[in-house]
Amino acid sequence: QVQLVESGGGSVQPGGSLRLSCEVSGYPHNNYCASWFRQAPGKGREGIATIDRDGTTRHADSVQGRFTISRDNDRKTLYLEMNSLRPDDTGMYYCAAEMWCVRVREQWYDPDRYDSWGQGTQVTVSS
């Protein structure tokens, strides 16, 4: 059974940093692609970064240069390093995974393409 569990959210001042973690279990041989999404109040889920099985990454323009997605297959964990945080980064952050990478490789930002989700972790950026 696939399970994703996020952690690391919290409250931080503008310009601060956080690192989110997502423990991923249930995929044999770490055979999955994964992404981070966020959802601000009253808005839809926004794809912000993705990582392929081979470690290839892509980031949304809104976070490029500030956020970095990575994975540690030995620890079965996905990470999102977030720097230079801004108030508009506030929201619930989710990790999502999909075994069939072909489903998500081109449209990784589409939340409907993922079959497994974590419960979310809240990030609040405010002075």
C-alpha atoms as a PDB file:
ATOM      1  CA  GLN A   1       0.000   0.000   0.000  1.00  0.00           C
ATOM      2  CA  VAL A   2       1.389   3.374  -1.045  1.00  0.00           C
ATOM      3  CA  GLN A   3       1.654   5.999   1.657  1.00  0.00           C
ATOM      4  CA  LEU A   4       2.975   9.581   1.567  1.00  0.00           C
ATOM      5  CA  VAL A   5       3.540  11.539   4.769  1.00  0.00           C
ATOM      6  CA  GLU A   6       4.622  15.191   4.698  1.00  0.00           C
ATOM      7  CA  SER A   7       6.354  17.108   7.465  1.00  0.00           C
ATOM      8  CA  GLY A   8       8.350  20.272   7.996  1.00  0.00           C
ATOM      9  CA  GLY A   9       5.758  22.982   7.546  1.00  0.00           C
ATOM     10  CA  GLY A  10       5.431  25.923   9.891  1.00  0.00           C
ATOM     11  CA  SER A  11       5.380  29.685  10.215  1.00  0.00           C
ATOM     12  CA  VAL A  12       8.277  31.796   8.980  1.00  0.00           C
ATOM     13  CA  GLN A  13       8.993  35.448   8.292  1.00  0.00           C
ATOM     14  CA  PRO A  14       9.450  36.746   4.737  1.00  0.00           C
ATOM     15  CA  GLY A  15      12.920  35.929   3.494  1.00  0.00           C
ATOM     16  CA  GLY A  16      13.127  32.837   5.674  1.00  0.00           C
ATOM     17  CA  SER A  17      13.628  29.186   4.774  1.00  0.00           C
ATOM     18  CA  LEU A  18      11.949  25.848   5.375  1.00  0.00           C
ATOM     19  CA  ARG A  19      12.588  22.296   4.272  1.00  0.00           C
ATOM     20  CA  LEU A  20       9.633  20.031   3.672  1.00  0.00           C
ATOM     21  CA  SER A  21       9.942  16.252   3.725  1.00  0.00           C
ATOM     22  CA  CYS A  22       7.696  13.571   2.307  1.00  0.00           C
ATOM     23  CA  GLU A  23       8.232   9.957   3.354  1.00  0.00           C
ATOM     24  CA  VAL A  24       7.187   7.695   0.488  1.00  0.00           C
ATOM     25  CA  SER A  25       6.477   4.010   1.033  1.00  0.00           C
ATOM     26  CA  GLY A  26       4.903   1.230  -0.983  1.00  0.00           C
ATOM     27  CA  TYR A  27       6.633   1.650  -4.344  1.00  0.00           C
ATOM     28  CA  PRO A  28       8.940  -1.268  -5.166  1.00  0.00           C
ATOM     29  CA  HIS A  29      12.511  -0.185  -5.926  1.00  0.00           C
ATOM     30  CA  ASN A  30      11.533   3.521  -5.538  1.00  0.00           C
ATOM     31  CA  ASN A  31       9.907   3.250  -8.952  1.00  0.00           C
ATOM     32  CA  TYR A  32       7.873   6.459  -9.031  1.00  0.00           C
ATOM     33  CA  CYS A  33       7.877  10.081 -10.123  1.00  0.00           C
ATOM     34  CA  ALA A  34       6.877  12.738  -7.615  1.00  0.00           C
ATOM     35  CA  SER A  35       5.920  16.376  -7.336  1.00  0.00           C
ATOM     36  CA  TRP A  36       5.128  19.053  -4.824  1.00  0.00           C
ATOM     37  CA  PHE A  37       1.900  21.023  -5.065  1.00  0.00           C
ATOM     38  CA  ARG A  38       0.544  23.851  -2.987  1.00  0.00           C
ATOM     39  CA  GLN A  39      -2.905  25.245  -2.431  1.00  0.00           C
ATOM     40  CA  ALA A  40      -3.607  28.740  -1.169  1.00  0.00           C
ATOM     41  CA  PRO A  41      -6.971  29.490   0.453  1.00  0.00           C
ATOM     42  CA  GLY A  42      -9.693  29.739  -2.168  1.00  0.00           C
ATOM     43  CA  LYS A  43      -7.429  28.600  -5.008  1.00  0.00           C
ATOM     44  CA  GLY A  44      -6.731  25.398  -6.884  1.00  0.00           C
ATOM     45  CA  ARG A  45      -3.754  23.119  -6.442  1.00  0.00           C
ATOM     46  CA  GLU A  46      -0.600  24.532  -8.091  1.00  0.00           C
ATOM     47  CA  GLY A  47       2.244  22.301  -9.230  1.00  0.00           C
ATOM     48  CA  ILE A  48       5.535  23.801  -8.100  1.00  0.00           C
ATOM     49  CA  ALA A  49       8.236  21.159  -8.669  1.00  0.00           C
ATOM     50  CA  THR A  50       8.688  17.650  -9.985  1.00  0.00           C
ATOM     51  CA  ILE A  51      11.395  14.970  -9.932  1.00  0.00           C
ATOM     52  CA  ASP A  52      11.721  11.947 -12.168  1.00  0.00           C
ATOM     53  CA  ARG A  53      13.058   8.492 -11.272  1.00  0.00           C
ATOM     54  CA  ASP A  54      16.495   9.449 -12.559  1.00  0.00           C
ATOM     55  CA  GLY A  55      16.585  12.675 -10.529  1.00  0.00           C
ATOM     56  CA  THR A  56      15.706  15.047 -13.357  1.00  0.00           C
ATOM     57  CA  THR A  57      13.893  18.049 -11.919  1.00  0.00           C
ATOM     58  CA  ARG A  58      11.676  20.863 -13.106  1.00  0.00           C
ATOM     59  CA  HIS A  59      10.381  23.847 -11.178  1.00  0.00           C
ATOM     60  CA  ALA A  60       7.552  26.268 -11.811  1.00  0.00           C
ATOM     61  CA  ASP A  61       8.524  29.800 -12.771  1.00  0.00           C
ATOM     62  CA  SER A  62       7.016  31.101  -9.539  1.00  0.00           C
ATOM     63  CA  VAL A  63       9.593  29.225  -7.431  1.00  0.00           C
ATOM     64  CA  GLN A  64      12.533  28.867  -9.832  1.00  0.00           C
ATOM     65  CA  GLY A  65      15.753  29.849  -8.104  1.00  0.00           C
ATOM     66  CA  ARG A  66      14.173  29.806  -4.647  1.00  0.00           C
ATOM     67  CA  PHE A  67      12.861  26.246  -4.201  1.00  0.00           C
ATOM     68  CA  THR A  68      14.651  22.965  -4.904  1.00  0.00           C
ATOM     69  CA  ILE A  69      13.109  19.523  -5.116  1.00  0.00           C
ATOM     70  CA  SER A  70      15.220  16.449  -4.382  1.00  0.00           C
ATOM     71  CA  ARG A  71      14.864  12.813  -3.385  1.00  0.00           C
ATOM     72  CA  ASP A  72      16.855  10.370  -1.281  1.00  0.00           C
ATOM     73  CA  ASN A  73      15.940   6.875  -2.394  1.00  0.00           C
ATOM     74  CA  ASP A  74      17.844   5.228   0.455  1.00  0.00           C
ATOM     75  CA  ARG A  75      15.729   7.173   2.953  1.00  0.00           C
ATOM     76  CA  LYS A  76      12.611   6.853   0.751  1.00  0.00           C
ATOM     77  CA  THR A  77      12.084  10.569   1.171  1.00  0.00           C
ATOM     78  CA  LEU A  78      11.234  13.473  -1.092  1.00  0.00           C
ATOM     79  CA  TYR A  79      12.329  16.986  -0.106  1.00  0.00           C
ATOM     80  CA  LEU A  80      11.446  20.571  -0.948  1.00  0.00           C
ATOM     81  CA  GLU A  81      14.027  23.138   0.115  1.00  0.00           C
ATOM     82  CA  MET A  82      12.389  26.576   0.208  1.00  0.00           C
ATOM     83  CA  ASN A  83      14.415  29.772   0.469  1.00  0.00           C
ATOM     84  CA  SER A  84      13.599  33.482   0.202  1.00  0.00           C
ATOM     85  CA  LEU A  85      10.032  32.753   1.205  1.00  0.00           C
ATOM     86  CA  ARG A  86       7.372  35.326   0.428  1.00  0.00           C
ATOM     87  CA  PRO A  87       3.859  35.872   1.792  1.00  0.00           C
ATOM     88  CA  ASP A  88       2.375  34.553  -1.456  1.00  0.00           C
ATOM     89  CA  ASP A  89       4.094  31.205  -0.789  1.00  0.00           C
ATOM     90  CA  THR A  90       1.602  30.658   2.020  1.00  0.00           C
ATOM     91  CA  GLY A  91      -0.573  27.592   1.613  1.00  0.00           C
ATOM     92  CA  MET A  92      -0.987  23.898   2.191  1.00  0.00           C
ATOM     93  CA  TYR A  93       1.832  21.923   0.598  1.00  0.00           C
ATOM     94  CA  TYR A  94       1.262  18.409  -0.709  1.00  0.00           C
ATOM     95  CA  CYS A  95       3.514  15.753  -2.170  1.00  0.00           C
ATOM     96  CA  ALA A  96       2.121  13.522  -4.905  1.00  0.00           C
ATOM     97  CA  ALA A  97       3.503  10.409  -6.564  1.00  0.00           C
ATOM     98  CA  GLU A  98       2.742   8.300  -9.607  1.00  0.00           C
ATOM     99  CA  MET A  99       4.238   4.933 -10.578  1.00  0.00           C
ATOM    100  CA  TRP A 100       3.562   5.397 -14.290  1.00  0.00           C
ATOM    101  CA  CYS A 101       5.878   8.304 -14.961  1.00  0.00           C
ATOM    102  CA  VAL A 102       4.684   8.593 -18.557  1.00  0.00           C
ATOM    103  CA  ARG A 103       1.384   9.901 -17.144  1.00  0.00           C
ATOM    104  CA  VAL A 104       3.034  12.848 -15.437  1.00  0.00           C
ATOM    105  CA  ARG A 105       6.293  13.477 -17.294  1.00  0.00           C
ATOM    106  CA  GLU A 106       4.904  16.139 -19.659  1.00  0.00           C
ATOM    107  CA  GLN A 107       2.007  17.524 -17.635  1.00  0.00           C
ATOM    108  CA  TRP A 108       3.509  17.122 -14.187  1.00  0.00           C
ATOM    109  CA  TYR A 109       1.618  20.205 -12.946  1.00  0.00           C
ATOM    110  CA  ASP A 110      -1.786  18.550 -13.467  1.00  0.00           C
ATOM    111  CA  PRO A 111      -2.927  17.174 -10.084  1.00  0.00           C
ATOM    112  CA  ASP A 112      -5.424  14.768 -11.734  1.00  0.00           C
ATOM    113  CA  ARG A 113      -2.534  12.675 -13.110  1.00  0.00           C
ATOM    114  CA  TYR A 114      -1.295  11.460  -9.724  1.00  0.00           C
ATOM    115  CA  ASP A 115      -2.661   8.443  -7.916  1.00  0.00           C
ATOM    116  CA  SER A 116      -1.175   9.025  -4.472  1.00  0.00           C
ATOM    117  CA  TRP A 117      -1.173  12.061  -2.210  1.00  0.00           C
ATOM    118  CA  GLY A 118      -0.023  13.006   1.230  1.00  0.00           C
ATOM    119  CA  GLN A 119      -2.203  14.732   3.797  1.00  0.00           C
ATOM    120  CA  GLY A 120      -0.471  18.098   3.423  1.00  0.00           C
ATOM    121  CA  THR A 121       1.621  20.369   5.628  1.00  0.00           C
ATOM    122  CA  GLN A 122       0.851  24.046   6.215  1.00  0.00           C
ATOM    123  CA  VAL A 123       3.346  26.784   5.357  1.00  0.00           C
ATOM    124  CA  THR A 124       2.647  30.326   6.517  1.00  0.00           C
ATOM    125  CA  VAL A 125       4.876  33.242   5.557  1.00  0.00           C
ATOM    126  CA  SER A 126       4.067  36.386   7.487  1.00  0.00           C
ATOM    127  CA  SER A 127       5.757  39.184   9.380  1.00  0.00           C
END
